[in-house]
């Protein structure tokens, strides 16, 4: 799998590989490495919300990505989970584009399911 830069093991090698592989392609769109990494975390978080929106518990598994780490997820409601929760309104672009069947409640339920999944499958993030 994708090796770490320091020779150690990566928690989410697929996440790191995708981010590294696509970096050059997106460098003209987003030249800042920090902003690009943040965008990748947002993508993984949103992809996980979509995955959690299956309505069938045994199929609801989030994207296993670096966004699960406290550095992205955040502490004390000060991270991606809180930022996305704040954005969840009827005018949220993902809803307006057809995500979650254009239903705000479904999006909120997906966020809740993702947050609960992370809590149940705790590790030292």
PDB file of N, CA and C in Angstrom:
ATOM      1  N   UNK A   1       0.837  -1.175   0.000  1.00  0.00           N
ATOM      2  CA  UNK A   1       0.000   0.000   0.000  1.00  0.00           C
ATOM      3  C   UNK A   1       0.880   1.236   0.000  1.00  0.00           C
ATOM      4  N   UNK A   2       0.303   2.348   0.094  1.00  0.00           N
ATOM      5  CA  UNK A   2       1.012   3.619   0.044  1.00  0.00           C
ATOM      6  C   UNK A   2       1.903   3.789   1.277  1.00  0.00           C
ATOM      7  N   UNK A   3       3.232   3.894   1.096  1.00  0.00           N
ATOM      8  CA  UNK A   3       4.125   4.019   2.257  1.00  0.00           C
ATOM      9  C   UNK A   3       4.092   5.441   2.827  1.00  0.00           C
ATOM     10  N   UNK A   4       4.347   5.548   4.115  1.00  0.00           N
ATOM     11  CA  UNK A   4       4.430   6.876   4.718  1.00  0.00           C
ATOM     12  C   UNK A   4       5.780   7.490   4.373  1.00  0.00           C
ATOM     13  N   UNK A   5       5.862   8.775   4.513  1.00  0.00           N
ATOM     14  CA  UNK A   5       7.108   9.477   4.169  1.00  0.00           C
ATOM     15  C   UNK A   5       8.252   9.134   5.117  1.00  0.00           C
ATOM     16  N   UNK A   6       7.906   8.761   6.352  1.00  0.00           N
ATOM     17  CA  UNK A   6       8.954   8.471   7.332  1.00  0.00           C
ATOM     18  C   UNK A   6       9.175   6.970   7.521  1.00  0.00           C
ATOM     19  N   UNK A   7       8.558   6.151   6.685  1.00  0.00           N
ATOM     20  CA  UNK A   7       8.741   4.705   6.754  1.00  0.00           C
ATOM     21  C   UNK A   7       7.811   4.000   7.723  1.00  0.00           C
ATOM     22  N   UNK A   8       6.962   4.742   8.426  1.00  0.00           N
ATOM     23  CA  UNK A   8       6.027   4.140   9.378  1.00  0.00           C
ATOM     24  C   UNK A   8       4.745   3.683   8.703  1.00  0.00           C
ATOM     25  N   UNK A   9       3.819   3.239   9.524  1.00  0.00           N
ATOM     26  CA  UNK A   9       2.512   2.795   9.025  1.00  0.00           C
ATOM     27  C   UNK A   9       1.540   3.955   9.029  1.00  0.00           C
ATOM     28  N   UNK A  10       0.718   4.019   8.011  1.00  0.00           N
ATOM     29  CA  UNK A  10      -0.341   5.018   7.940  1.00  0.00           C
ATOM     30  C   UNK A  10      -1.632   4.406   8.449  1.00  0.00           C
ATOM     31  N   UNK A  11      -2.425   5.191   9.179  1.00  0.00           N
ATOM     32  CA  UNK A  11      -3.714   4.688   9.650  1.00  0.00           C
ATOM     33  C   UNK A  11      -4.691   4.495   8.500  1.00  0.00           C
ATOM     34  N   UNK A  12      -4.655   5.398   7.551  1.00  0.00           N
ATOM     35  CA  UNK A  12      -5.587   5.363   6.423  1.00  0.00           C
ATOM     36  C   UNK A  12      -4.805   5.487   5.115  1.00  0.00           C
ATOM     37  N   UNK A  13      -4.128   4.427   4.695  1.00  0.00           N
ATOM     38  CA  UNK A  13      -3.276   4.528   3.508  1.00  0.00           C
ATOM     39  C   UNK A  13      -4.039   4.925   2.248  1.00  0.00           C
ATOM     40  N   UNK A  14      -5.290   4.462   2.099  1.00  0.00           N
ATOM     41  CA  UNK A  14      -6.051   4.795   0.902  1.00  0.00           C
ATOM     42  C   UNK A  14      -6.357   6.287   0.864  1.00  0.00           C
ATOM     43  N   UNK A  15      -6.602   6.866   2.000  1.00  0.00           N
ATOM     44  CA  UNK A  15      -6.875   8.295   2.100  1.00  0.00           C
ATOM     45  C   UNK A  15      -5.638   9.092   1.705  1.00  0.00           C
ATOM     46  N   UNK A  16      -4.515   8.703   2.259  1.00  0.00           N
ATOM     47  CA  UNK A  16      -3.257   9.378   1.967  1.00  0.00           C
ATOM     48  C   UNK A  16      -2.871   9.202   0.505  1.00  0.00           C
ATOM     49  N   UNK A  17      -3.050   8.003  -0.026  1.00  0.00           N
ATOM     50  CA  UNK A  17      -2.714   7.732  -1.424  1.00  0.00           C
ATOM     51  C   UNK A  17      -3.549   8.595  -2.366  1.00  0.00           C
ATOM     52  N   UNK A  18      -4.855   8.650  -2.132  1.00  0.00           N
ATOM     53  CA  UNK A  18      -5.739   9.435  -2.988  1.00  0.00           C
ATOM     54  C   UNK A  18      -5.363  10.915  -2.941  1.00  0.00           C
ATOM     55  N   UNK A  19      -5.128  11.421  -1.749  1.00  0.00           N
ATOM     56  CA  UNK A  19      -4.759  12.827  -1.589  1.00  0.00           C
ATOM     57  C   UNK A  19      -3.453  13.122  -2.322  1.00  0.00           C
ATOM     58  N   UNK A  20      -2.453  12.266  -2.148  1.00  0.00           N
ATOM     59  CA  UNK A  20      -1.162  12.472  -2.813  1.00  0.00           C
ATOM     60  C   UNK A  20      -1.253  12.321  -4.330  1.00  0.00           C
ATOM     61  N   UNK A  21      -2.010  11.329  -4.781  1.00  0.00           N
ATOM     62  CA  UNK A  21      -2.127  11.061  -6.212  1.00  0.00           C
ATOM     63  C   UNK A  21      -2.814  12.202  -6.952  1.00  0.00           C
ATOM     64  N   UNK A  22      -3.829  12.783  -6.342  1.00  0.00           N
ATOM     65  CA  UNK A  22      -4.595  13.847  -6.990  1.00  0.00           C
ATOM     66  C   UNK A  22      -4.005  15.241  -6.790  1.00  0.00           C
ATOM     67  N   UNK A  23      -3.013  15.379  -5.923  1.00  0.00           N
ATOM     68  CA  UNK A  23      -2.498  16.707  -5.586  1.00  0.00           C
ATOM     69  C   UNK A  23      -2.063  17.497  -6.813  1.00  0.00           C
ATOM     70  N   UNK A  24      -1.252  16.907  -7.660  1.00  0.00           N
ATOM     71  CA  UNK A  24      -0.743  17.631  -8.835  1.00  0.00           C
ATOM     72  C   UNK A  24      -1.884  18.062  -9.760  1.00  0.00           C
ATOM     73  N   UNK A  25      -2.860  17.188  -9.949  1.00  0.00           N
ATOM     74  CA  UNK A  25      -3.987  17.508 -10.828  1.00  0.00           C
ATOM     75  C   UNK A  25      -4.790  18.701 -10.321  1.00  0.00           C
ATOM     76  N   UNK A  26      -4.858  18.869  -9.021  1.00  0.00           N
ATOM     77  CA  UNK A  26      -5.641  19.958  -8.435  1.00  0.00           C
ATOM     78  C   UNK A  26      -4.796  21.179  -8.061  1.00  0.00           C
ATOM     79  N   UNK A  27      -3.520  21.151  -8.377  1.00  0.00           N
ATOM     80  CA  UNK A  27      -2.653  22.251  -7.951  1.00  0.00           C
ATOM     81  C   UNK A  27      -3.019  23.586  -8.591  1.00  0.00           C
ATOM     82  N   UNK A  28      -3.550  23.571  -9.804  1.00  0.00           N
ATOM     83  CA  UNK A  28      -3.979  24.829 -10.422  1.00  0.00           C
ATOM     84  C   UNK A  28      -5.278  25.342  -9.811  1.00  0.00           C
ATOM     85  N   UNK A  29      -6.139  24.434  -9.394  1.00  0.00           N
ATOM     86  CA  UNK A  29      -7.416  24.809  -8.775  1.00  0.00           C
ATOM     87  C   UNK A  29      -7.175  25.302  -7.352  1.00  0.00           C
ATOM     88  N   UNK A  30      -6.317  24.598  -6.614  1.00  0.00           N
ATOM     89  CA  UNK A  30      -6.012  24.966  -5.230  1.00  0.00           C
ATOM     90  C   UNK A  30      -4.514  24.874  -4.992  1.00  0.00           C
ATOM     91  N   UNK A  31      -3.812  25.991  -5.107  1.00  0.00           N
ATOM     92  CA  UNK A  31      -2.356  25.962  -4.942  1.00  0.00           C
ATOM     93  C   UNK A  31      -1.889  25.749  -3.500  1.00  0.00           C
ATOM     94  N   UNK A  32      -2.719  26.059  -2.522  1.00  0.00           N
ATOM     95  CA  UNK A  32      -2.332  25.922  -1.118  1.00  0.00           C
ATOM     96  C   UNK A  32      -2.435  24.459  -0.679  1.00  0.00           C
ATOM     97  N   UNK A  33      -1.329  23.910  -0.187  1.00  0.00           N
ATOM     98  CA  UNK A  33      -1.345  22.530   0.305  1.00  0.00           C
ATOM     99  C   UNK A  33      -2.267  22.366   1.513  1.00  0.00           C
ATOM    100  N   UNK A  34      -2.303  23.377   2.363  1.00  0.00           N
ATOM    101  CA  UNK A  34      -3.160  23.313   3.551  1.00  0.00           C
ATOM    102  C   UNK A  34      -4.632  23.291   3.135  1.00  0.00           C
ATOM    103  N   UNK A  35      -5.018  24.199   2.258  1.00  0.00           N
ATOM    104  CA  UNK A  35      -6.412  24.254   1.795  1.00  0.00           C
ATOM    105  C   UNK A  35      -6.773  22.980   1.042  1.00  0.00           C
ATOM    106  N   UNK A  36      -5.846  22.438   0.268  1.00  0.00           N
ATOM    107  CA  UNK A  36      -6.091  21.193  -0.457  1.00  0.00           C
ATOM    108  C   UNK A  36      -6.337  20.041   0.522  1.00  0.00           C
ATOM    109  N   UNK A  37      -5.515  19.940   1.558  1.00  0.00           N
ATOM    110  CA  UNK A  37      -5.700  18.880   2.563  1.00  0.00           C
ATOM    111  C   UNK A  37      -7.042  19.024   3.264  1.00  0.00           C
ATOM    112  N   UNK A  38      -7.425  20.265   3.563  1.00  0.00           N
ATOM    113  CA  UNK A  38      -8.724  20.500   4.191  1.00  0.00           C
ATOM    114  C   UNK A  38      -9.862  20.089   3.257  1.00  0.00           C
ATOM    115  N   UNK A  39      -9.723  20.398   1.974  1.00  0.00           N
ATOM    116  CA  UNK A  39     -10.749  20.012   0.994  1.00  0.00           C
ATOM    117  C   UNK A  39     -10.866  18.494   0.898  1.00  0.00           C
ATOM    118  N   UNK A  40      -9.745  17.796   0.980  1.00  0.00           N
ATOM    119  CA  UNK A  40      -9.774  16.330   0.954  1.00  0.00           C
ATOM    120  C   UNK A  40     -10.513  15.782   2.173  1.00  0.00           C
ATOM    121  N   UNK A  41     -10.278  16.375   3.328  1.00  0.00           N
ATOM    122  CA  UNK A  41     -10.976  15.945   4.539  1.00  0.00           C
ATOM    123  C   UNK A  41     -12.483  16.196   4.399  1.00  0.00           C
ATOM    124  N   UNK A  42     -12.861  17.350   3.850  1.00  0.00           N
ATOM    125  CA  UNK A  42     -14.283  17.641   3.611  1.00  0.00           C
ATOM    126  C   UNK A  42     -14.882  16.602   2.677  1.00  0.00           C
ATOM    127  N   UNK A  43     -14.163  16.275   1.604  1.00  0.00           N
ATOM    128  CA  UNK A  43     -14.649  15.271   0.648  1.00  0.00           C
ATOM    129  C   UNK A  43     -14.903  13.946   1.351  1.00  0.00           C
ATOM    130  N   UNK A  44     -13.940  13.486   2.140  1.00  0.00           N
ATOM    131  CA  UNK A  44     -14.091  12.209   2.837  1.00  0.00           C
ATOM    132  C   UNK A  44     -15.264  12.255   3.818  1.00  0.00           C
ATOM    133  N   UNK A  45     -15.400  13.361   4.512  1.00  0.00           N
ATOM    134  CA  UNK A  45     -16.503  13.500   5.462  1.00  0.00           C
ATOM    135  C   UNK A  45     -17.835  13.435   4.731  1.00  0.00           C
ATOM    136  N   UNK A  46     -17.970  14.198   3.646  1.00  0.00           N
ATOM    137  CA  UNK A  46     -19.225  14.211   2.894  1.00  0.00           C
ATOM    138  C   UNK A  46     -19.499  12.862   2.230  1.00  0.00           C
ATOM    139  N   UNK A  47     -18.455  12.217   1.711  1.00  0.00           N
ATOM    140  CA  UNK A  47     -18.630  10.883   1.126  1.00  0.00           C
ATOM    141  C   UNK A  47     -19.114   9.903   2.187  1.00  0.00           C
ATOM    142  N   UNK A  48     -18.633  10.063   3.403  1.00  0.00           N
ATOM    143  CA  UNK A  48     -19.068   9.202   4.502  1.00  0.00           C
ATOM    144  C   UNK A  48     -20.509   9.468   4.880  1.00  0.00           C
ATOM    145  N   UNK A  49     -20.912  10.734   4.852  1.00  0.00           N
ATOM    146  CA  UNK A  49     -22.317  11.041   5.123  1.00  0.00           C
ATOM    147  C   UNK A  49     -23.216  10.385   4.078  1.00  0.00           C
ATOM    148  N   UNK A  50     -22.804  10.427   2.832  1.00  0.00           N
ATOM    149  CA  UNK A  50     -23.582   9.781   1.768  1.00  0.00           C
ATOM    150  C   UNK A  50     -23.650   8.276   2.026  1.00  0.00           C
ATOM    151  N   UNK A  51     -22.535   7.685   2.422  1.00  0.00           N
ATOM    152  CA  UNK A  51     -22.519   6.247   2.713  1.00  0.00           C
ATOM    153  C   UNK A  51     -23.429   5.898   3.888  1.00  0.00           C
ATOM    154  N   UNK A  52     -23.498   6.784   4.865  1.00  0.00           N
ATOM    155  CA  UNK A  52     -24.330   6.529   6.041  1.00  0.00           C
ATOM    156  C   UNK A  52     -25.809   6.730   5.738  1.00  0.00           C
ATOM    157  N   UNK A  53     -26.126   7.281   4.591  1.00  0.00           N
ATOM    158  CA  UNK A  53     -27.507   7.566   4.197  1.00  0.00           C
ATOM    159  C   UNK A  53     -28.169   6.377   3.499  1.00  0.00           C
ATOM    160  N   UNK A  54     -27.671   5.181   3.731  1.00  0.00           N
ATOM    161  CA  UNK A  54     -28.232   4.012   3.061  1.00  0.00           C
ATOM    162  C   UNK A  54     -29.586   3.625   3.616  1.00  0.00           C
ATOM    163  N   UNK A  55     -29.839   3.951   4.878  1.00  0.00           N
ATOM    164  CA  UNK A  55     -31.083   3.543   5.511  1.00  0.00           C
ATOM    165  C   UNK A  55     -31.053   2.107   5.988  1.00  0.00           C
ATOM    166  N   UNK A  56     -29.972   1.423   5.739  1.00  0.00           N
ATOM    167  CA  UNK A  56     -29.823   0.022   6.152  1.00  0.00           C
ATOM    168  C   UNK A  56     -28.575  -0.061   7.019  1.00  0.00           C
ATOM    169  N   UNK A  57     -28.761  -0.271   8.306  1.00  0.00           N
ATOM    170  CA  UNK A  57     -27.650  -0.193   9.251  1.00  0.00           C
ATOM    171  C   UNK A  57     -26.455  -1.063   8.890  1.00  0.00           C
ATOM    172  N   UNK A  58     -26.675  -2.292   8.456  1.00  0.00           N
ATOM    173  CA  UNK A  58     -25.542  -3.172   8.209  1.00  0.00           C
ATOM    174  C   UNK A  58     -24.738  -2.769   6.975  1.00  0.00           C
ATOM    175  N   UNK A  59     -25.268  -1.897   6.146  1.00  0.00           N
ATOM    176  CA  UNK A  59     -24.528  -1.407   4.976  1.00  0.00           C
ATOM    177  C   UNK A  59     -23.907  -0.033   5.224  1.00  0.00           C
ATOM    178  N   UNK A  60     -24.236   0.574   6.308  1.00  0.00           N
ATOM    179  CA  UNK A  60     -23.794   1.935   6.577  1.00  0.00           C
ATOM    180  C   UNK A  60     -22.392   1.936   7.172  1.00  0.00           C
ATOM    181  N   UNK A  61     -21.401   2.087   6.302  1.00  0.00           N
ATOM    182  CA  UNK A  61     -20.012   2.188   6.732  1.00  0.00           C
ATOM    183  C   UNK A  61     -19.411   3.432   6.112  1.00  0.00           C
ATOM    184  N   UNK A  62     -18.791   4.256   6.931  1.00  0.00           N
ATOM    185  CA  UNK A  62     -18.202   5.477   6.394  1.00  0.00           C
ATOM    186  C   UNK A  62     -16.924   5.195   5.628  1.00  0.00           C
ATOM    187  N   UNK A  63     -16.521   6.179   4.859  1.00  0.00           N
ATOM    188  CA  UNK A  63     -15.236   6.173   4.185  1.00  0.00           C
ATOM    189  C   UNK A  63     -14.190   6.187   5.289  1.00  0.00           C
ATOM    190  N   UNK A  64     -13.308   5.239   5.302  1.00  0.00           N
ATOM    191  CA  UNK A  64     -12.271   5.216   6.330  1.00  0.00           C
ATOM    192  C   UNK A  64     -11.142   6.135   5.900  1.00  0.00           C
ATOM    193  N   UNK A  65     -11.147   7.344   6.419  1.00  0.00           N
ATOM    194  CA  UNK A  65     -10.171   8.313   5.964  1.00  0.00           C
ATOM    195  C   UNK A  65      -9.568   9.144   7.071  1.00  0.00           C
ATOM    196  N   UNK A  66      -8.615   9.961   6.675  1.00  0.00           N
ATOM    197  CA  UNK A  66      -7.895  10.810   7.620  1.00  0.00           C
ATOM    198  C   UNK A  66      -8.808  11.815   8.311  1.00  0.00           C
ATOM    199  N   UNK A  67      -9.976  12.063   7.768  1.00  0.00           N
ATOM    200  CA  UNK A  67     -10.896  13.002   8.401  1.00  0.00           C
ATOM    201  C   UNK A  67     -11.337  12.531   9.780  1.00  0.00           C
ATOM    202  N   UNK A  68     -11.193  11.222  10.063  1.00  0.00           N
ATOM    203  CA  UNK A  68     -11.533  10.690  11.377  1.00  0.00           C
ATOM    204  C   UNK A  68     -10.561  11.155  12.458  1.00  0.00           C
ATOM    205  N   UNK A  69      -9.381  11.552  12.061  1.00  0.00           N
ATOM    206  CA  UNK A  69      -8.386  11.978  13.036  1.00  0.00           C
ATOM    207  C   UNK A  69      -8.836  13.257  13.724  1.00  0.00           C
ATOM    208  N   UNK A  70      -8.494  13.399  14.976  1.00  0.00           N
ATOM    209  CA  UNK A  70      -8.895  14.586  15.729  1.00  0.00           C
ATOM    210  C   UNK A  70      -8.414  15.873  15.069  1.00  0.00           C
ATOM    211  N   UNK A  71      -7.312  15.802  14.348  1.00  0.00           N
ATOM    212  CA  UNK A  71      -6.802  17.006  13.689  1.00  0.00           C
ATOM    213  C   UNK A  71      -7.787  17.538  12.648  1.00  0.00           C
ATOM    214  N   UNK A  72      -8.616  16.682  12.074  1.00  0.00           N
ATOM    215  CA  UNK A  72      -9.656  17.112  11.138  1.00  0.00           C
ATOM    216  C   UNK A  72     -11.024  17.173  11.803  1.00  0.00           C
ATOM    217  N   UNK A  73     -11.381  16.092  12.486  1.00  0.00           N
ATOM    218  CA  UNK A  73     -12.707  15.998  13.091  1.00  0.00           C
ATOM    219  C   UNK A  73     -12.899  17.122  14.097  1.00  0.00           C
ATOM    220  N   UNK A  74     -11.866  17.372  14.865  1.00  0.00           N
ATOM    221  CA  UNK A  74     -11.913  18.459  15.828  1.00  0.00           C
ATOM    222  C   UNK A  74     -12.140  17.990  17.250  1.00  0.00           C
ATOM    223  N   UNK A  75     -11.972  18.921  18.142  1.00  0.00           N
ATOM    224  CA  UNK A  75     -12.176  18.702  19.571  1.00  0.00           C
ATOM    225  C   UNK A  75     -13.258  19.664  20.043  1.00  0.00           C
ATOM    226  N   UNK A  76     -14.031  19.235  20.988  1.00  0.00           N
ATOM    227  CA  UNK A  76     -15.030  20.117  21.602  1.00  0.00           C
ATOM    228  C   UNK A  76     -15.890  20.827  20.570  1.00  0.00           C
ATOM    229  N   UNK A  77     -16.377  20.071  19.608  1.00  0.00           N
ATOM    230  CA  UNK A  77     -17.250  20.622  18.563  1.00  0.00           C
ATOM    231  C   UNK A  77     -16.599  21.778  17.810  1.00  0.00           C
ATOM    232  N   UNK A  78     -15.328  21.649  17.542  1.00  0.00           N
ATOM    233  CA  UNK A  78     -14.612  22.694  16.817  1.00  0.00           C
ATOM    234  C   UNK A  78     -13.835  22.074  15.663  1.00  0.00           C
ATOM    235  N   UNK A  79     -14.545  21.460  14.735  1.00  0.00           N
ATOM    236  CA  UNK A  79     -13.889  20.814  13.613  1.00  0.00           C
ATOM    237  C   UNK A  79     -14.875  20.596  12.489  1.00  0.00           C
ATOM    238  N   UNK A  80     -14.583  19.623  11.654  1.00  0.00           N
ATOM    239  CA  UNK A  80     -15.422  19.336  10.495  1.00  0.00           C
ATOM    240  C   UNK A  80     -16.857  19.007  10.867  1.00  0.00           C
ATOM    241  N   UNK A  81     -17.033  18.189  11.881  1.00  0.00           N
ATOM    242  CA  UNK A  81     -18.397  17.804  12.258  1.00  0.00           C
ATOM    243  C   UNK A  81     -19.233  19.029  12.600  1.00  0.00           C
ATOM    244  N   UNK A  82     -18.673  19.938  13.340  1.00  0.00           N
ATOM    245  CA  UNK A  82     -19.399  21.153  13.730  1.00  0.00           C
ATOM    246  C   UNK A  82     -19.593  22.084  12.534  1.00  0.00           C
ATOM    247  N   UNK A  83     -18.568  22.201  11.685  1.00  0.00           N
ATOM    248  CA  UNK A  83     -18.671  23.078  10.513  1.00  0.00           C
ATOM    249  C   UNK A  83     -19.773  22.600   9.573  1.00  0.00           C
ATOM    250  N   UNK A  84     -19.837  21.302   9.352  1.00  0.00           N
ATOM    251  CA  UNK A  84     -20.860  20.768   8.456  1.00  0.00           C
ATOM    252  C   UNK A  84     -22.229  20.876   9.102  1.00  0.00           C
ATOM    253  N   UNK A  85     -22.315  20.606  10.389  1.00  0.00           N
ATOM    254  CA  UNK A  85     -23.595  20.748  11.085  1.00  0.00           C
ATOM    255  C   UNK A  85     -24.114  22.182  10.961  1.00  0.00           C
ATOM    256  N   UNK A  86     -23.239  23.142  11.063  1.00  0.00           N
ATOM    257  CA  UNK A  86     -23.624  24.544  10.945  1.00  0.00           C
ATOM    258  C   UNK A  86     -24.130  24.872   9.543  1.00  0.00           C
ATOM    259  N   UNK A  87     -23.541  24.245   8.538  1.00  0.00           N
ATOM    260  CA  UNK A  87     -23.941  24.488   7.147  1.00  0.00           C
ATOM    261  C   UNK A  87     -25.252  23.813   6.758  1.00  0.00           C
ATOM    262  N   UNK A  88     -25.669  22.812   7.518  1.00  0.00           N
ATOM    263  CA  UNK A  88     -26.856  22.040   7.144  1.00  0.00           C
ATOM    264  C   UNK A  88     -28.128  22.876   7.267  1.00  0.00           C
ATOM    265  N   UNK A  89     -28.497  23.486   6.164  1.00  0.00           N
ATOM    266  CA  UNK A  89     -29.740  24.241   6.069  1.00  0.00           C
ATOM    267  C   UNK A  89     -30.408  23.831   4.764  1.00  0.00           C
ATOM    268  N   UNK A  90     -31.598  24.306   4.543  1.00  0.00           N
ATOM    269  CA  UNK A  90     -32.317  23.986   3.310  1.00  0.00           C
ATOM    270  C   UNK A  90     -31.643  24.506   2.058  1.00  0.00           C
ATOM    271  N   UNK A  91     -30.703  25.449   2.222  1.00  0.00           N
ATOM    272  CA  UNK A  91     -30.003  26.003   1.052  1.00  0.00           C
ATOM    273  C   UNK A  91     -28.604  25.419   0.884  1.00  0.00           C
ATOM    274  N   UNK A  92     -28.282  24.371   1.660  1.00  0.00           N
ATOM    275  CA  UNK A  92     -26.967  23.737   1.555  1.00  0.00           C
ATOM    276  C   UNK A  92     -26.759  23.274   0.121  1.00  0.00           C
ATOM    277  N   UNK A  93     -25.650  23.645  -0.515  1.00  0.00           N
ATOM    278  CA  UNK A  93     -25.437  23.302  -1.926  1.00  0.00           C
ATOM    279  C   UNK A  93     -25.570  21.818  -2.252  1.00  0.00           C
ATOM    280  N   UNK A  94     -25.129  20.944  -1.366  1.00  0.00           N
ATOM    281  CA  UNK A  94     -25.240  19.513  -1.640  1.00  0.00           C
ATOM    282  C   UNK A  94     -26.703  19.070  -1.687  1.00  0.00           C
ATOM    283  N   UNK A  95     -27.526  19.651  -0.838  1.00  0.00           N
ATOM    284  CA  UNK A  95     -28.965  19.354  -0.880  1.00  0.00           C
ATOM    285  C   UNK A  95     -29.585  19.900  -2.157  1.00  0.00           C
ATOM    286  N   UNK A  96     -29.240  21.121  -2.487  1.00  0.00           N
ATOM    287  CA  UNK A  96     -29.810  21.757  -3.674  1.00  0.00           C
ATOM    288  C   UNK A  96     -29.413  21.023  -4.946  1.00  0.00           C
ATOM    289  N   UNK A  97     -28.271  20.323  -4.897  1.00  0.00           N
ATOM    290  CA  UNK A  97     -27.809  19.559  -6.055  1.00  0.00           C
ATOM    291  C   UNK A  97     -28.432  18.167  -6.115  1.00  0.00           C
ATOM    292  N   UNK A  98     -29.250  17.828  -5.119  1.00  0.00           N
ATOM    293  CA  UNK A  98     -29.937  16.533  -5.144  1.00  0.00           C
ATOM    294  C   UNK A  98     -29.447  15.540  -4.115  1.00  0.00           C
ATOM    295  N   UNK A  99     -28.396  15.890  -3.384  1.00  0.00           N
ATOM    296  CA  UNK A  99     -27.896  14.988  -2.351  1.00  0.00           C
ATOM    297  C   UNK A  99     -28.931  14.735  -1.276  1.00  0.00           C
ATOM    298  N   UNK A 100     -28.936  13.545  -0.744  1.00  0.00           N
ATOM    299  CA  UNK A 100     -29.849  13.147   0.320  1.00  0.00           C
ATOM    300  C   UNK A 100     -31.310  13.332  -0.095  1.00  0.00           C
ATOM    301  N   UNK A 101     -31.557  13.166  -1.394  1.00  0.00           N
ATOM    302  CA  UNK A 101     -32.913  13.309  -1.908  1.00  0.00           C
ATOM    303  C   UNK A 101     -33.474  14.701  -1.694  1.00  0.00           C
ATOM    304  N   UNK A 102     -32.582  15.671  -1.586  1.00  0.00           N
ATOM    305  CA  UNK A 102     -32.961  17.073  -1.322  1.00  0.00           C
ATOM    306  C   UNK A 102     -33.663  17.238   0.027  1.00  0.00           C
ATOM    307  N   UNK A 103     -33.471  16.289   0.932  1.00  0.00           N
ATOM    308  CA  UNK A 103     -34.153  16.310   2.222  1.00  0.00           C
ATOM    309  C   UNK A 103     -33.167  16.649   3.347  1.00  0.00           C
ATOM    310  N   UNK A 104     -33.390  17.774   3.972  1.00  0.00           N
ATOM    311  CA  UNK A 104     -32.533  18.224   5.062  1.00  0.00           C
ATOM    312  C   UNK A 104     -32.489  17.211   6.202  1.00  0.00           C
ATOM    313  N   UNK A 105     -33.624  16.626   6.539  1.00  0.00           N
ATOM    314  CA  UNK A 105     -33.664  15.646   7.622  1.00  0.00           C
ATOM    315  C   UNK A 105     -32.764  14.450   7.323  1.00  0.00           C
ATOM    316  N   UNK A 106     -32.754  13.989   6.089  1.00  0.00           N
ATOM    317  CA  UNK A 106     -31.875  12.871   5.718  1.00  0.00           C
ATOM    318  C   UNK A 106     -30.413  13.250   5.899  1.00  0.00           C
ATOM    319  N   UNK A 107     -30.049  14.456   5.518  1.00  0.00           N
ATOM    320  CA  UNK A 107     -28.660  14.906   5.680  1.00  0.00           C
ATOM    321  C   UNK A 107     -28.301  14.974   7.161  1.00  0.00           C
ATOM    322  N   UNK A 108     -29.198  15.509   7.956  1.00  0.00           N
ATOM    323  CA  UNK A 108     -28.941  15.584   9.405  1.00  0.00           C
ATOM    324  C   UNK A 108     -28.836  14.190  10.012  1.00  0.00           C
ATOM    325  N   UNK A 109     -29.692  13.282   9.579  1.00  0.00           N
ATOM    326  CA  UNK A 109     -29.633  11.904  10.074  1.00  0.00           C
ATOM    327  C   UNK A 109     -28.326  11.229   9.675  1.00  0.00           C
ATOM    328  N   UNK A 110     -27.847  11.505   8.476  1.00  0.00           N
ATOM    329  CA  UNK A 110     -26.574  10.935   8.023  1.00  0.00           C
ATOM    330  C   UNK A 110     -25.426  11.464   8.868  1.00  0.00           C
ATOM    331  N   UNK A 111     -25.452  12.747   9.180  1.00  0.00           N
ATOM    332  CA  UNK A 111     -24.418  13.330  10.035  1.00  0.00           C
ATOM    333  C   UNK A 111     -24.464  12.708  11.424  1.00  0.00           C
ATOM    334  N   UNK A 112     -25.650  12.546  11.963  1.00  0.00           N
ATOM    335  CA  UNK A 112     -25.805  11.909  13.276  1.00  0.00           C
ATOM    336  C   UNK A 112     -25.295  10.475  13.239  1.00  0.00           C
ATOM    337  N   UNK A 113     -25.648   9.735  12.194  1.00  0.00           N
ATOM    338  CA  UNK A 113     -25.200   8.343  12.061  1.00  0.00           C
ATOM    339  C   UNK A 113     -23.679   8.261  11.980  1.00  0.00           C
ATOM    340  N   UNK A 114     -23.075   9.171  11.245  1.00  0.00           N
ATOM    341  CA  UNK A 114     -21.612   9.186  11.115  1.00  0.00           C
ATOM    342  C   UNK A 114     -20.964   9.506  12.458  1.00  0.00           C
ATOM    343  N   UNK A 115     -21.485  10.488  13.143  1.00  0.00           N
ATOM    344  CA  UNK A 115     -20.941  10.867  14.446  1.00  0.00           C
ATOM    345  C   UNK A 115     -21.085   9.718  15.444  1.00  0.00           C
ATOM    346  N   UNK A 116     -22.224   9.067  15.445  1.00  0.00           N
ATOM    347  CA  UNK A 116     -22.439   7.930  16.343  1.00  0.00           C
ATOM    348  C   UNK A 116     -21.532   6.764  15.977  1.00  0.00           C
ATOM    349  N   UNK A 117     -21.351   6.518  14.689  1.00  0.00           N
ATOM    350  CA  UNK A 117     -20.469   5.427  14.248  1.00  0.00           C
ATOM    351  C   UNK A 117     -19.057   5.658  14.760  1.00  0.00           C
ATOM    352  N   UNK A 118     -18.584   6.884  14.609  1.00  0.00           N
ATOM    353  CA  UNK A 118     -17.238   7.211  15.091  1.00  0.00           C
ATOM    354  C   UNK A 118     -17.143   7.004  16.595  1.00  0.00           C
ATOM    355  N   UNK A 119     -18.183   7.396  17.326  1.00  0.00           N
ATOM    356  CA  UNK A 119     -18.182   7.219  18.773  1.00  0.00           C
ATOM    357  C   UNK A 119     -18.181   5.754  19.190  1.00  0.00           C
ATOM    358  N   UNK A 120     -18.916   4.921  18.473  1.00  0.00           N
ATOM    359  CA  UNK A 120     -19.006   3.492  18.792  1.00  0.00           C
ATOM    360  C   UNK A 120     -17.740   2.741  18.429  1.00  0.00           C
ATOM    361  N   UNK A 121     -17.039   3.200  17.442  1.00  0.00           N
ATOM    362  CA  UNK A 121     -15.847   2.523  16.964  1.00  0.00           C
ATOM    363  C   UNK A 121     -14.615   3.336  17.347  1.00  0.00           C
ATOM    364  N   UNK A 122     -14.630   3.765  18.592  1.00  0.00           N
ATOM    365  CA  UNK A 122     -13.581   4.656  19.084  1.00  0.00           C
ATOM    366  C   UNK A 122     -12.222   3.997  19.052  1.00  0.00           C
ATOM    367  N   UNK A 123     -11.278   4.797  18.772  1.00  0.00           N
ATOM    368  CA  UNK A 123      -9.877   4.454  18.885  1.00  0.00           C
ATOM    369  C   UNK A 123      -9.180   5.744  19.233  1.00  0.00           C
ATOM    370  N   UNK A 124      -7.938   5.690  19.442  1.00  0.00           N
ATOM    371  CA  UNK A 124      -7.211   6.925  19.729  1.00  0.00           C
ATOM    372  C   UNK A 124      -6.973   7.634  18.403  1.00  0.00           C
ATOM    373  N   UNK A 125      -7.933   8.482  18.058  1.00  0.00           N
ATOM    374  CA  UNK A 125      -7.859   9.178  16.791  1.00  0.00           C
ATOM    375  C   UNK A 125      -6.774  10.217  16.844  1.00  0.00           C
TER     376      UNK A 125
END
